[in-house]
């Protein structure tokens, strides 16, 4: 449970940075999510680890109701500010932990989570809970930072992420996501591995990464094998990263 206190501390201190984050609030990404989900106007959606509320707000515009949960009270407060600024009033904000959701089975038509799974201390349990509260025929959507398949990349890029953010748990590669989703009552509709760049120094500043950790991150990137370096070019003002997107329907 120690990781959760780190999550609360790190994100509580910087909650407004995430409400204002252009990564988390990217309108193109949010529109893509809505287009993939094709939500019914009468649907009830759950947004897991809502952060700055971007996902919940995007969904709230085209469904009946969104329940937005997070374990960090400051994040929920920022998300509520953002929803008021967007003149949205069909979101219910609750402090809840994805690992033990206080909802009955099959309560939601849509369950989503963006940029959060790498903080779950037991990702299998969390995803199982997300499936449990989704009704049969309901839609499941996850978008998270990811890592290229391979022992070296899975280990070293996660070292980088932990140096940047002490609440980091694990970025999962596509092959690791396959293990996470194994045995769940889901029919996978779509998986997409997406290459992105993070802008520097914003990526560091958003979570307050100290100078020595920033230097160590560049040292790790520099020392990757040639095979891995192909996937992880970097410069003074950017670092290469990846995302994994999953859309599924519950059986």
Protein backbone atom coordinates (compact mmCIF):
# COMPACT_ATOMS: atom_id res chain seq x y z
CA UNK A 1 0.00 0.00 0.00
CA UNK A 2 3.05 2.26 0.27
CA UNK A 3 2.84 3.06 -3.39
CA UNK A 4 -0.62 4.58 -2.93
CA UNK A 5 0.66 7.04 -0.35
CA UNK A 6 3.40 8.03 -2.86
CA UNK A 7 0.71 8.50 -5.53
CA UNK A 8 -1.35 10.71 -3.19
CA UNK A 9 1.71 12.72 -2.16
CA UNK A 10 3.19 13.23 -5.64
CA UNK A 11 -0.08 14.00 -7.39
CA UNK A 12 -1.65 15.89 -4.50
CA UNK A 13 1.22 18.38 -4.58
CA UNK A 14 0.94 18.88 -8.34
CA UNK A 15 -2.74 18.28 -9.08
CA UNK A 16 -3.20 21.55 -10.98
CA UNK A 17 -0.27 20.64 -13.29
CA UNK A 18 -2.30 17.64 -14.43
CA UNK A 19 -5.53 19.58 -14.92
CA UNK A 20 -3.54 21.93 -17.18
CA UNK A 21 -1.49 19.17 -18.86
CA UNK A 22 -1.63 19.22 -22.65
CA UNK A 23 -0.75 15.49 -22.70
CA UNK A 24 -3.68 14.43 -20.53
CA UNK A 25 -6.11 16.92 -22.04
CA UNK A 26 -5.12 16.51 -25.70
CA UNK A 27 -8.41 17.06 -27.61
CA UNK A 28 -7.34 14.84 -30.53
CA UNK A 29 -6.71 11.89 -28.16
CA UNK A 30 -9.98 12.46 -26.35
CA UNK A 31 -11.94 12.67 -29.60
CA UNK A 32 -10.32 9.44 -30.76
CA UNK A 33 -11.41 7.72 -27.52
CA UNK A 34 -15.01 8.93 -27.90
CA UNK A 35 -15.10 7.83 -31.56
CA UNK A 36 -13.83 4.37 -30.63
CA UNK A 37 -16.30 3.97 -27.77
CA UNK A 38 -19.28 5.38 -29.72
CA UNK A 39 -21.12 5.98 -26.44
CA UNK A 40 -24.90 5.74 -26.27
CA UNK A 41 -26.53 8.95 -24.94
CA UNK A 42 -28.19 6.93 -22.16
CA UNK A 43 -24.93 5.25 -21.05
CA UNK A 44 -23.43 5.40 -17.57
CA UNK A 45 -19.63 5.51 -17.62
CA UNK A 46 -16.90 5.00 -15.04
CA UNK A 47 -13.64 6.95 -15.37
CA UNK A 48 -10.94 5.26 -13.27
CA UNK A 49 -8.19 7.49 -11.84
CA UNK A 50 -9.72 10.59 -13.39
CA UNK A 51 -6.75 12.84 -12.56
CA UNK A 52 -7.50 16.30 -13.95
CA UNK A 53 -10.92 15.14 -15.19
CA UNK A 54 -10.23 15.38 -18.94
CA UNK A 55 -11.56 11.91 -19.75
CA UNK A 56 -14.66 12.28 -17.60
CA UNK A 57 -15.50 15.65 -19.18
CA UNK A 58 -15.06 14.32 -22.73
CA UNK A 59 -17.39 11.40 -21.96
CA UNK A 60 -19.91 13.50 -20.02
CA UNK A 61 -20.70 15.44 -23.20
CA UNK A 62 -22.11 12.33 -24.87
CA UNK A 63 -23.44 10.03 -22.12
CA UNK A 64 -26.11 10.27 -19.43
CA UNK A 65 -23.76 10.19 -16.44
CA UNK A 66 -20.09 9.71 -15.56
CA UNK A 67 -18.75 8.53 -12.23
CA UNK A 68 -15.16 9.78 -11.92
CA UNK A 69 -12.96 8.22 -9.25
CA UNK A 70 -9.46 8.89 -7.94
CA UNK A 71 -7.53 8.14 -4.74
CA UNK A 72 -6.08 11.67 -4.55
CA UNK A 73 -8.52 14.23 -3.08
CA UNK A 74 -6.62 17.17 -4.61
CA UNK A 75 -7.00 15.60 -8.07
CA UNK A 76 -10.74 15.21 -7.58
CA UNK A 77 -10.96 18.86 -6.54
CA UNK A 78 -9.08 19.93 -9.70
CA UNK A 79 -11.29 17.69 -11.86
CA UNK A 80 -14.36 19.29 -10.33
CA UNK A 81 -12.96 22.76 -11.12
CA UNK A 82 -12.37 21.68 -14.72
CA UNK A 83 -15.91 20.28 -15.06
CA UNK A 84 -17.42 23.54 -13.77
CA UNK A 85 -15.26 25.51 -16.21
CA UNK A 86 -16.64 23.31 -19.00
CA UNK A 87 -20.20 23.81 -17.71
CA UNK A 88 -20.62 20.05 -17.17
CA UNK A 89 -22.96 18.89 -14.42
CA UNK A 90 -23.47 15.15 -15.04
CA UNK A 91 -20.24 13.92 -13.40
CA UNK A 92 -20.20 12.44 -9.90
CA UNK A 93 -16.74 12.63 -8.26
CA UNK A 94 -15.81 9.98 -5.70
CA UNK A 95 -12.67 9.03 -3.80
CA UNK A 96 -12.24 5.34 -4.58
CA UNK A 97 -9.48 2.80 -5.11
CA UNK A 98 -9.62 0.81 -8.37
CA UNK A 99 -8.34 -2.28 -6.56
CA UNK A 100 -11.50 -2.44 -4.42
CA UNK A 101 -14.32 -0.70 -6.24
CA UNK A 102 -17.39 0.06 -4.18
CA UNK A 103 -19.81 -0.69 -7.04
CA UNK A 104 -22.03 -3.64 -7.79
CA UNK A 105 -21.31 -6.07 -10.65
CA UNK A 106 -22.28 -4.87 -14.11
CA UNK A 107 -23.16 -1.34 -13.00
CA UNK A 108 -21.57 0.52 -15.93
CA UNK A 109 -21.99 0.57 -19.72
CA UNK A 110 -18.48 1.96 -20.24
CA UNK A 111 -15.36 1.69 -18.08
CA UNK A 112 -12.29 3.71 -19.07
CA UNK A 113 -8.89 4.63 -17.71
CA UNK A 114 -6.28 6.90 -19.33
CA UNK A 115 -2.64 7.34 -18.25
CA UNK A 116 -3.16 5.60 -14.91
CA UNK A 117 -2.53 1.84 -15.10
CA UNK A 118 1.22 2.33 -14.57
CA UNK A 119 0.38 3.53 -11.04
CA UNK A 120 -1.78 0.53 -10.06
CA UNK A 121 0.14 -1.53 -7.48
CA UNK A 122 -1.68 -4.72 -8.58
CA UNK A 123 -2.66 -4.18 -12.21
CA UNK A 124 -4.32 -7.60 -12.62
CA UNK A 125 -6.59 -6.98 -9.64
CA UNK A 126 -7.39 -3.45 -10.82
CA UNK A 127 -8.29 -4.54 -14.36
CA UNK A 128 -10.34 -7.45 -12.96
CA UNK A 129 -12.30 -4.96 -10.83
CA UNK A 130 -12.87 -2.73 -13.87
CA UNK A 131 -14.25 -5.77 -15.73
CA UNK A 132 -16.45 -6.80 -12.79
CA UNK A 133 -18.35 -3.49 -12.67
CA UNK A 134 -18.84 -3.46 -16.47
CA UNK A 135 -22.07 -4.99 -17.78
CA UNK A 136 -21.93 -7.78 -20.38
CA UNK A 137 -21.77 -6.08 -23.78
CA UNK A 138 -20.25 -3.00 -22.16
CA UNK A 139 -17.12 -1.30 -23.47
CA UNK A 140 -13.71 -1.33 -21.81
CA UNK A 141 -11.03 1.19 -22.78
CA UNK A 142 -7.49 1.70 -21.49
CA UNK A 143 -4.83 4.08 -22.78
CA UNK A 144 -1.52 4.13 -20.96
CA UNK A 145 2.15 4.86 -21.41
CA UNK A 146 3.89 1.72 -22.63
CA UNK A 147 7.28 0.30 -23.49
CA UNK A 148 8.72 -1.64 -26.42
CA UNK A 149 8.63 -5.45 -25.97
CA UNK A 150 11.96 -6.80 -24.71
CA UNK A 151 13.75 -7.60 -21.46
CA UNK A 152 16.10 -4.61 -21.68
CA UNK A 153 13.52 -2.00 -22.64
CA UNK A 154 10.97 -3.26 -20.09
CA UNK A 155 13.56 -3.00 -17.32
CA UNK A 156 15.49 0.14 -18.25
CA UNK A 157 12.58 2.35 -19.35
CA UNK A 158 10.81 1.48 -16.09
CA UNK A 159 13.97 2.52 -14.22
CA UNK A 160 13.74 5.86 -16.04
CA UNK A 161 10.08 6.28 -15.12
CA UNK A 162 10.76 5.55 -11.44
CA UNK A 163 13.61 8.08 -11.40
CA UNK A 164 11.22 10.64 -12.82
CA UNK A 165 8.29 9.82 -10.50
CA UNK A 166 8.73 7.92 -7.22
CA UNK A 167 5.08 6.76 -7.34
CA UNK A 168 5.64 4.91 -10.62
CA UNK A 169 4.76 1.22 -10.51
CA UNK A 170 5.25 -0.28 -13.99
CA UNK A 171 4.85 0.54 -17.68
CA UNK A 172 3.63 -2.59 -19.44
CA UNK A 173 4.76 -3.60 -22.91
CA UNK A 174 2.19 -5.06 -25.35
CA UNK A 175 3.35 -8.60 -24.49
CA UNK A 176 2.93 -7.86 -20.76
CA UNK A 177 -0.55 -6.42 -21.38
CA UNK A 178 -1.46 -9.73 -23.04
CA UNK A 179 -0.67 -11.47 -19.73
CA UNK A 180 -2.63 -8.88 -17.73
CA UNK A 181 -5.74 -9.36 -19.91
CA UNK A 182 -5.45 -13.16 -20.05
CA UNK A 183 -8.48 -15.03 -18.72
CA UNK A 184 -10.69 -11.94 -18.40
CA UNK A 185 -14.21 -11.93 -19.88
CA UNK A 186 -13.20 -9.52 -22.66
CA UNK A 187 -13.21 -9.70 -26.43
CA UNK A 188 -10.39 -7.44 -27.60
CA UNK A 189 -11.62 -5.22 -30.43
CA UNK A 190 -8.50 -3.17 -30.97
CA UNK A 191 -4.96 -2.69 -29.66
CA UNK A 192 -2.72 0.08 -30.92
CA UNK A 193 0.94 0.73 -30.07
CA UNK A 194 1.60 4.44 -30.59
CA UNK A 195 4.95 6.26 -30.74
CA UNK A 196 5.02 9.69 -29.07
CA UNK A 197 7.47 12.33 -27.87
CA UNK A 198 7.41 13.95 -24.44
CA UNK A 199 8.52 17.56 -24.44
CA UNK A 200 11.36 18.46 -22.10
CA UNK A 201 11.61 20.00 -19.58
CA UNK A 202 7.79 19.87 -19.15
CA UNK A 203 7.81 16.10 -18.66
CA UNK A 204 10.21 16.47 -15.74
CA UNK A 205 8.72 19.67 -14.35
CA UNK A 206 5.17 18.30 -14.18
CA UNK A 207 6.14 15.85 -11.42
CA UNK A 208 9.14 17.80 -10.03
CA UNK A 209 12.00 15.45 -11.03
CA UNK A 210 15.26 16.60 -9.43
CA UNK A 211 18.40 17.47 -11.41
CA UNK A 212 20.46 14.38 -10.54
CA UNK A 213 17.62 12.06 -11.52
CA UNK A 214 17.26 13.89 -14.83
CA UNK A 215 20.98 13.33 -15.49
CA UNK A 216 20.69 9.65 -14.59
CA UNK A 217 17.78 9.25 -17.02
CA UNK A 218 19.93 10.56 -19.89
CA UNK A 219 22.78 8.27 -18.80
CA UNK A 220 20.48 5.22 -18.99
CA UNK A 221 19.24 6.22 -22.45
CA UNK A 222 22.81 6.73 -23.64
CA UNK A 223 23.83 3.27 -22.39
CA UNK A 224 21.01 1.28 -23.98
CA UNK A 225 22.06 -1.40 -26.46
CA UNK A 226 22.10 -0.34 -30.11
CA UNK A 227 19.02 -2.52 -30.72
CA UNK A 228 17.04 -0.65 -28.05
CA UNK A 229 18.39 2.81 -28.95
CA UNK A 230 16.63 2.52 -32.32
CA UNK A 231 13.30 2.78 -30.44
CA UNK A 232 14.36 5.43 -27.93
CA UNK A 233 15.99 8.43 -29.62
CA UNK A 234 16.12 11.58 -27.46
CA UNK A 235 17.37 15.15 -27.56
CA UNK A 236 17.68 18.24 -25.37
CA UNK A 237 13.99 18.99 -25.74
CA UNK A 238 12.31 15.59 -26.14
CA UNK A 239 12.27 11.96 -25.03
CA UNK A 240 10.66 9.21 -27.12
CA UNK A 241 7.88 7.27 -25.46
CA UNK A 242 5.11 4.87 -26.41
CA UNK A 243 1.47 4.32 -25.58
CA UNK A 244 -0.76 1.29 -25.70
CA UNK A 245 -4.47 1.59 -26.38
CA UNK A 246 -6.95 -1.20 -25.72
CA UNK A 247 -10.63 -1.37 -26.66
CA UNK A 248 -12.62 -4.44 -25.63
CA UNK A 249 -16.19 -5.63 -25.10
CA UNK A 250 -17.22 -7.64 -22.05
CA UNK A 251 -18.61 -11.10 -22.78
